[in-house]
C-alpha cells in the first residue's frame, strides 16, 4: 500500500526463482500461466536495468502475455483487470500504479 491507499501492481510481480521449489498450488497465482505462455501469446519480453535506482545491478523482467483466448484462464475475485487507458489515467495520482506497472505500460505503448 502507498501512504495514501492502495497500489496497482502487475498481475504477477515476483522473483520466480523464489517459488520454483513449491508445488503448483503454492506459487503466485498466474505465475505458471505467464511462464508457460506459447510464443504466439507473448506480446513482449524485455529485461530492464534498474541502474541508478535504489538497488545496484537490479534487473526486472517485463513480460506481457495475451491470455484472451486461453480457455484455462480463470479470473478470481481478488484480481481486477484494468485497461491501458485506466492505468495511464491513474498514473497522474503519484504512486497508485507502482513503478513496475508504469514500466509495463510504457512497454505496451510501443506495441500498441
N, C-alpha and C. Protein backbone atom coordinates (compact mmCIF):
# COMPACT_ATOMS: atom_id res chain seq x y z
N UNK A 1 0.83 -1.18 0.00
CA UNK A 1 0.00 0.00 0.00
C UNK A 1 0.87 1.24 0.00
N UNK A 2 0.35 2.27 -0.62
CA UNK A 2 1.01 3.57 -0.57
C UNK A 2 0.54 4.26 0.71
N UNK A 3 1.20 5.31 1.13
CA UNK A 3 0.73 6.02 2.33
C UNK A 3 -0.70 6.55 2.19
N UNK A 4 -1.15 6.75 0.95
CA UNK A 4 -2.48 7.31 0.72
C UNK A 4 -3.54 6.26 0.39
N UNK A 5 -3.19 5.00 0.27
CA UNK A 5 -4.18 3.98 -0.08
C UNK A 5 -3.56 2.79 -0.78
N UNK A 6 -4.29 2.25 -1.74
CA UNK A 6 -3.83 1.05 -2.43
C UNK A 6 -2.86 1.39 -3.55
N UNK A 7 -2.17 0.36 -4.01
CA UNK A 7 -1.23 0.47 -5.10
C UNK A 7 -1.61 -0.54 -6.17
N UNK A 8 -1.56 -0.15 -7.42
CA UNK A 8 -1.86 -1.06 -8.53
C UNK A 8 -0.56 -1.71 -8.96
N UNK A 9 -0.55 -3.03 -9.03
CA UNK A 9 0.65 -3.78 -9.40
C UNK A 9 0.33 -4.69 -10.59
N UNK A 10 1.37 -5.17 -11.28
CA UNK A 10 1.13 -6.14 -12.35
C UNK A 10 0.44 -7.39 -11.82
N UNK A 11 -0.17 -8.14 -12.72
CA UNK A 11 -0.86 -9.37 -12.34
C UNK A 11 0.07 -10.31 -11.61
N UNK A 12 1.28 -10.47 -12.12
CA UNK A 12 2.30 -11.29 -11.46
C UNK A 12 3.50 -10.38 -11.22
N UNK A 13 3.91 -10.28 -9.97
CA UNK A 13 5.07 -9.48 -9.62
C UNK A 13 5.85 -10.24 -8.57
N UNK A 14 6.89 -10.94 -9.00
CA UNK A 14 7.68 -11.74 -8.07
C UNK A 14 8.98 -12.15 -8.73
N UNK A 15 9.85 -12.77 -7.97
CA UNK A 15 11.04 -13.42 -8.49
C UNK A 15 10.69 -14.90 -8.61
N UNK A 16 10.48 -15.41 -9.83
CA UNK A 16 10.05 -16.80 -10.00
C UNK A 16 10.96 -17.82 -9.32
N UNK A 17 12.26 -17.51 -9.23
CA UNK A 17 13.19 -18.44 -8.60
C UNK A 17 12.85 -18.67 -7.13
N UNK A 18 12.25 -17.69 -6.49
CA UNK A 18 11.87 -17.84 -5.08
C UNK A 18 10.76 -18.86 -4.87
N UNK A 19 10.06 -19.22 -5.94
CA UNK A 19 8.91 -20.12 -5.83
C UNK A 19 9.10 -21.43 -6.60
N UNK A 20 10.25 -21.60 -7.23
CA UNK A 20 10.49 -22.77 -8.09
C UNK A 20 10.37 -24.08 -7.34
N UNK A 21 10.67 -24.11 -6.06
CA UNK A 21 10.65 -25.34 -5.28
C UNK A 21 9.24 -25.71 -4.80
N UNK A 22 8.29 -24.83 -4.99
CA UNK A 22 6.93 -25.06 -4.48
C UNK A 22 6.05 -25.77 -5.51
N UNK A 23 5.08 -26.55 -5.06
CA UNK A 23 4.15 -27.19 -6.00
C UNK A 23 3.22 -26.14 -6.62
N UNK A 24 2.53 -26.53 -7.69
CA UNK A 24 1.68 -25.61 -8.45
C UNK A 24 0.77 -24.74 -7.60
N UNK A 25 0.03 -25.28 -6.70
CA UNK A 25 -0.93 -24.52 -5.92
C UNK A 25 -0.34 -23.54 -4.92
N UNK A 26 0.95 -23.59 -4.72
CA UNK A 26 1.60 -22.74 -3.72
C UNK A 26 2.35 -21.55 -4.32
N UNK A 27 2.47 -21.53 -5.65
CA UNK A 27 3.15 -20.42 -6.31
C UNK A 27 2.17 -19.28 -6.53
N UNK A 28 2.67 -18.05 -6.76
CA UNK A 28 1.76 -16.94 -7.00
C UNK A 28 0.79 -17.24 -8.15
N UNK A 29 -0.46 -16.81 -7.96
CA UNK A 29 -1.48 -17.04 -8.97
C UNK A 29 -1.02 -16.45 -10.31
N UNK A 30 -1.25 -17.18 -11.36
CA UNK A 30 -0.95 -16.82 -12.75
C UNK A 30 0.53 -16.89 -13.10
N UNK A 31 1.42 -17.17 -12.16
CA UNK A 31 2.84 -17.26 -12.49
C UNK A 31 3.09 -18.34 -13.53
N UNK A 32 2.54 -19.52 -13.32
CA UNK A 32 2.77 -20.62 -14.26
C UNK A 32 2.14 -20.32 -15.63
N UNK A 33 1.01 -19.63 -15.63
CA UNK A 33 0.37 -19.23 -16.90
C UNK A 33 1.30 -18.33 -17.70
N UNK A 34 1.89 -17.37 -17.04
CA UNK A 34 2.78 -16.42 -17.70
C UNK A 34 4.05 -17.12 -18.19
N UNK A 35 4.66 -17.92 -17.32
CA UNK A 35 5.93 -18.56 -17.67
C UNK A 35 5.80 -19.65 -18.72
N UNK A 36 4.60 -20.24 -18.86
CA UNK A 36 4.41 -21.31 -19.84
C UNK A 36 3.69 -20.84 -21.10
N UNK A 37 3.58 -19.55 -21.29
CA UNK A 37 2.88 -19.00 -22.45
C UNK A 37 3.55 -19.43 -23.75
N UNK A 38 2.74 -19.71 -24.76
CA UNK A 38 3.25 -20.05 -26.08
C UNK A 38 3.85 -18.79 -26.71
N UNK A 39 4.82 -18.94 -27.59
CA UNK A 39 5.44 -17.76 -28.21
C UNK A 39 4.43 -16.82 -28.86
N UNK A 40 3.36 -17.35 -29.42
CA UNK A 40 2.34 -16.51 -30.05
C UNK A 40 1.55 -15.67 -29.08
N UNK A 41 1.59 -16.02 -27.79
CA UNK A 41 0.88 -15.26 -26.77
C UNK A 41 1.72 -14.12 -26.19
N UNK A 42 3.03 -14.19 -26.37
CA UNK A 42 3.93 -13.21 -25.77
C UNK A 42 3.93 -11.93 -26.60
N UNK A 43 3.47 -10.84 -25.98
CA UNK A 43 3.42 -9.55 -26.66
C UNK A 43 4.77 -8.85 -26.59
N UNK A 44 5.44 -8.97 -25.47
CA UNK A 44 6.82 -8.51 -25.33
C UNK A 44 7.44 -9.18 -24.12
N UNK A 45 8.78 -9.27 -24.17
CA UNK A 45 9.55 -9.90 -23.11
C UNK A 45 10.90 -9.18 -23.08
N UNK A 46 11.08 -8.29 -22.11
CA UNK A 46 12.29 -7.49 -22.02
C UNK A 46 12.83 -7.51 -20.60
N UNK A 47 14.13 -7.27 -20.48
CA UNK A 47 14.76 -7.11 -19.18
C UNK A 47 15.18 -5.65 -19.07
N UNK A 48 14.77 -5.03 -17.98
CA UNK A 48 15.03 -3.61 -17.77
C UNK A 48 16.01 -3.46 -16.61
N UNK A 49 17.08 -2.74 -16.84
CA UNK A 49 18.05 -2.48 -15.78
C UNK A 49 17.54 -1.36 -14.89
N UNK A 50 17.66 -1.56 -13.61
CA UNK A 50 17.24 -0.55 -12.65
C UNK A 50 18.44 0.25 -12.14
N UNK A 51 19.51 0.28 -12.93
CA UNK A 51 20.72 1.01 -12.53
C UNK A 51 20.38 2.44 -12.17
N UNK A 52 21.02 2.94 -11.15
CA UNK A 52 20.78 4.30 -10.71
C UNK A 52 19.61 4.40 -9.76
N UNK A 53 18.93 3.32 -9.59
CA UNK A 53 17.80 3.31 -8.67
C UNK A 53 18.24 2.90 -7.28
N UNK A 54 17.31 2.40 -6.52
CA UNK A 54 17.60 2.02 -5.13
C UNK A 54 18.45 0.77 -5.03
N UNK A 55 18.43 -0.08 -6.05
CA UNK A 55 19.10 -1.38 -5.95
C UNK A 55 20.18 -1.48 -7.03
N UNK A 56 21.43 -1.56 -6.61
CA UNK A 56 22.55 -1.64 -7.53
C UNK A 56 22.52 -2.96 -8.30
N UNK A 57 22.65 -2.90 -9.60
CA UNK A 57 22.65 -4.05 -10.51
C UNK A 57 21.32 -4.82 -10.53
N UNK A 58 20.26 -4.20 -10.12
CA UNK A 58 18.96 -4.87 -10.16
C UNK A 58 18.43 -4.88 -11.58
N UNK A 59 17.81 -5.99 -11.94
CA UNK A 59 17.18 -6.12 -13.25
C UNK A 59 15.80 -6.73 -13.06
N UNK A 60 14.84 -6.22 -13.83
CA UNK A 60 13.49 -6.75 -13.79
C UNK A 60 13.10 -7.21 -15.18
N UNK A 61 12.43 -8.36 -15.23
CA UNK A 61 11.91 -8.86 -16.49
C UNK A 61 10.47 -8.40 -16.62
N UNK A 62 10.16 -7.79 -17.75
CA UNK A 62 8.79 -7.35 -18.05
C UNK A 62 8.27 -8.22 -19.18
N UNK A 63 7.19 -8.91 -18.90
CA UNK A 63 6.62 -9.88 -19.83
C UNK A 63 5.13 -9.65 -19.91
N UNK A 64 4.64 -9.41 -21.12
CA UNK A 64 3.19 -9.25 -21.32
C UNK A 64 2.71 -10.42 -22.16
N UNK A 65 1.67 -11.07 -21.67
CA UNK A 65 1.14 -12.26 -22.31
C UNK A 65 -0.34 -12.05 -22.61
N UNK A 66 -0.74 -12.37 -23.82
CA UNK A 66 -2.15 -12.29 -24.22
C UNK A 66 -2.84 -13.59 -23.83
N UNK A 67 -3.77 -13.50 -22.91
CA UNK A 67 -4.49 -14.69 -22.45
C UNK A 67 -5.98 -14.64 -22.82
N UNK A 68 -6.34 -13.75 -23.75
CA UNK A 68 -7.75 -13.60 -24.08
C UNK A 68 -8.38 -14.86 -24.65
N UNK A 69 -7.60 -15.70 -25.33
CA UNK A 69 -8.14 -16.93 -25.91
C UNK A 69 -7.73 -18.17 -25.13
N UNK A 70 -7.26 -18.00 -23.91
CA UNK A 70 -6.82 -19.12 -23.07
C UNK A 70 -8.02 -19.67 -22.31
N UNK A 71 -8.50 -20.86 -22.69
CA UNK A 71 -9.68 -21.42 -22.02
C UNK A 71 -9.44 -21.81 -20.56
N UNK A 72 -8.19 -21.93 -20.16
CA UNK A 72 -7.88 -22.32 -18.78
C UNK A 72 -7.78 -21.11 -17.86
N UNK A 73 -7.84 -19.91 -18.43
CA UNK A 73 -7.68 -18.70 -17.63
C UNK A 73 -8.95 -18.42 -16.83
N UNK A 74 -8.81 -18.44 -15.53
CA UNK A 74 -9.91 -18.15 -14.63
C UNK A 74 -9.53 -16.92 -13.81
N UNK A 75 -10.32 -15.88 -13.92
CA UNK A 75 -10.05 -14.65 -13.18
C UNK A 75 -10.78 -14.74 -11.84
N UNK A 76 -10.03 -14.60 -10.77
CA UNK A 76 -10.61 -14.70 -9.44
C UNK A 76 -10.99 -13.31 -8.93
N UNK A 77 -11.86 -13.29 -7.94
CA UNK A 77 -12.39 -12.02 -7.42
C UNK A 77 -11.32 -11.12 -6.80
N UNK A 78 -10.21 -11.68 -6.37
CA UNK A 78 -9.19 -10.85 -5.72
C UNK A 78 -8.33 -10.10 -6.74
N UNK A 79 -8.56 -10.34 -8.04
CA UNK A 79 -7.84 -9.65 -9.10
C UNK A 79 -8.81 -8.79 -9.87
N UNK A 80 -8.36 -7.62 -10.26
CA UNK A 80 -9.19 -6.71 -11.04
C UNK A 80 -8.36 -6.23 -12.24
N UNK A 81 -8.86 -6.47 -13.44
CA UNK A 81 -8.14 -6.09 -14.64
C UNK A 81 -8.40 -4.61 -14.93
N UNK A 82 -7.41 -3.96 -15.52
CA UNK A 82 -7.52 -2.55 -15.90
C UNK A 82 -7.03 -2.39 -17.33
N UNK A 83 -7.62 -1.47 -18.05
CA UNK A 83 -7.16 -1.17 -19.40
C UNK A 83 -5.93 -0.27 -19.33
N UNK A 84 -5.23 -0.18 -20.45
CA UNK A 84 -4.07 0.73 -20.50
C UNK A 84 -4.50 2.16 -20.24
N UNK A 85 -5.65 2.54 -20.76
CA UNK A 85 -6.17 3.89 -20.54
C UNK A 85 -6.44 4.16 -19.07
N UNK A 86 -7.02 3.18 -18.39
CA UNK A 86 -7.29 3.34 -16.96
C UNK A 86 -5.98 3.47 -16.17
N UNK A 87 -4.98 2.67 -16.54
CA UNK A 87 -3.70 2.74 -15.85
C UNK A 87 -3.00 4.07 -16.11
N UNK A 88 -3.08 4.53 -17.35
CA UNK A 88 -2.47 5.83 -17.68
C UNK A 88 -3.14 6.95 -16.90
N UNK A 89 -4.46 6.90 -16.80
CA UNK A 89 -5.19 7.92 -16.04
C UNK A 89 -4.81 7.86 -14.56
N UNK A 90 -4.67 6.65 -14.02
CA UNK A 90 -4.31 6.51 -12.60
C UNK A 90 -2.88 6.95 -12.33
N UNK A 91 -2.04 6.95 -13.36
CA UNK A 91 -0.64 7.34 -13.19
C UNK A 91 -0.48 8.79 -12.77
N UNK A 92 -1.47 9.60 -13.03
CA UNK A 92 -1.37 11.01 -12.64
C UNK A 92 -1.52 11.20 -11.13
N UNK A 93 -1.84 10.13 -10.42
CA UNK A 93 -2.02 10.23 -8.97
C UNK A 93 -0.84 9.63 -8.22
N UNK A 94 0.35 10.04 -8.58
CA UNK A 94 1.54 9.60 -7.87
C UNK A 94 1.81 8.12 -8.03
N UNK A 95 2.00 7.43 -6.91
CA UNK A 95 2.40 6.03 -6.93
C UNK A 95 1.27 5.03 -6.96
N UNK A 96 0.09 5.44 -7.41
CA UNK A 96 -1.03 4.48 -7.42
C UNK A 96 -0.68 3.27 -8.28
N UNK A 97 -0.36 3.43 -9.58
CA UNK A 97 0.26 2.31 -10.28
C UNK A 97 1.73 2.29 -9.86
N UNK A 98 2.21 1.16 -9.38
CA UNK A 98 3.60 1.12 -8.92
C UNK A 98 4.57 1.24 -10.09
N UNK A 99 5.84 1.35 -9.80
CA UNK A 99 6.84 1.58 -10.85
C UNK A 99 6.85 0.44 -11.86
N UNK A 100 6.64 -0.79 -11.43
CA UNK A 100 6.61 -1.91 -12.36
C UNK A 100 5.42 -1.81 -13.32
N UNK A 101 4.28 -1.38 -12.79
CA UNK A 101 3.10 -1.19 -13.65
C UNK A 101 3.35 -0.06 -14.65
N UNK A 102 3.96 1.01 -14.21
CA UNK A 102 4.24 2.12 -15.12
C UNK A 102 5.25 1.70 -16.19
N UNK A 103 6.23 0.88 -15.83
CA UNK A 103 7.18 0.38 -16.83
C UNK A 103 6.48 -0.53 -17.84
N UNK A 104 5.59 -1.40 -17.36
CA UNK A 104 4.83 -2.25 -18.28
C UNK A 104 3.99 -1.41 -19.22
N UNK A 105 3.35 -0.39 -18.71
CA UNK A 105 2.52 0.49 -19.52
C UNK A 105 3.36 1.15 -20.62
N UNK A 106 4.56 1.56 -20.28
CA UNK A 106 5.46 2.15 -21.28
C UNK A 106 5.80 1.13 -22.34
N UNK A 107 6.13 -0.10 -21.95
CA UNK A 107 6.46 -1.15 -22.92
C UNK A 107 5.28 -1.42 -23.84
N UNK A 108 4.09 -1.50 -23.27
CA UNK A 108 2.89 -1.77 -24.06
C UNK A 108 2.66 -0.66 -25.08
N UNK A 109 2.97 0.57 -24.72
CA UNK A 109 2.75 1.70 -25.63
C UNK A 109 3.56 1.56 -26.92
N UNK A 110 4.65 0.82 -26.87
CA UNK A 110 5.49 0.64 -28.06
C UNK A 110 4.93 -0.41 -29.01
N UNK A 111 4.04 -1.27 -28.54
CA UNK A 111 3.49 -2.31 -29.40
C UNK A 111 2.06 -2.02 -29.81
N UNK A 112 1.43 -1.05 -29.17
CA UNK A 112 0.01 -0.75 -29.44
C UNK A 112 -0.16 0.06 -30.70
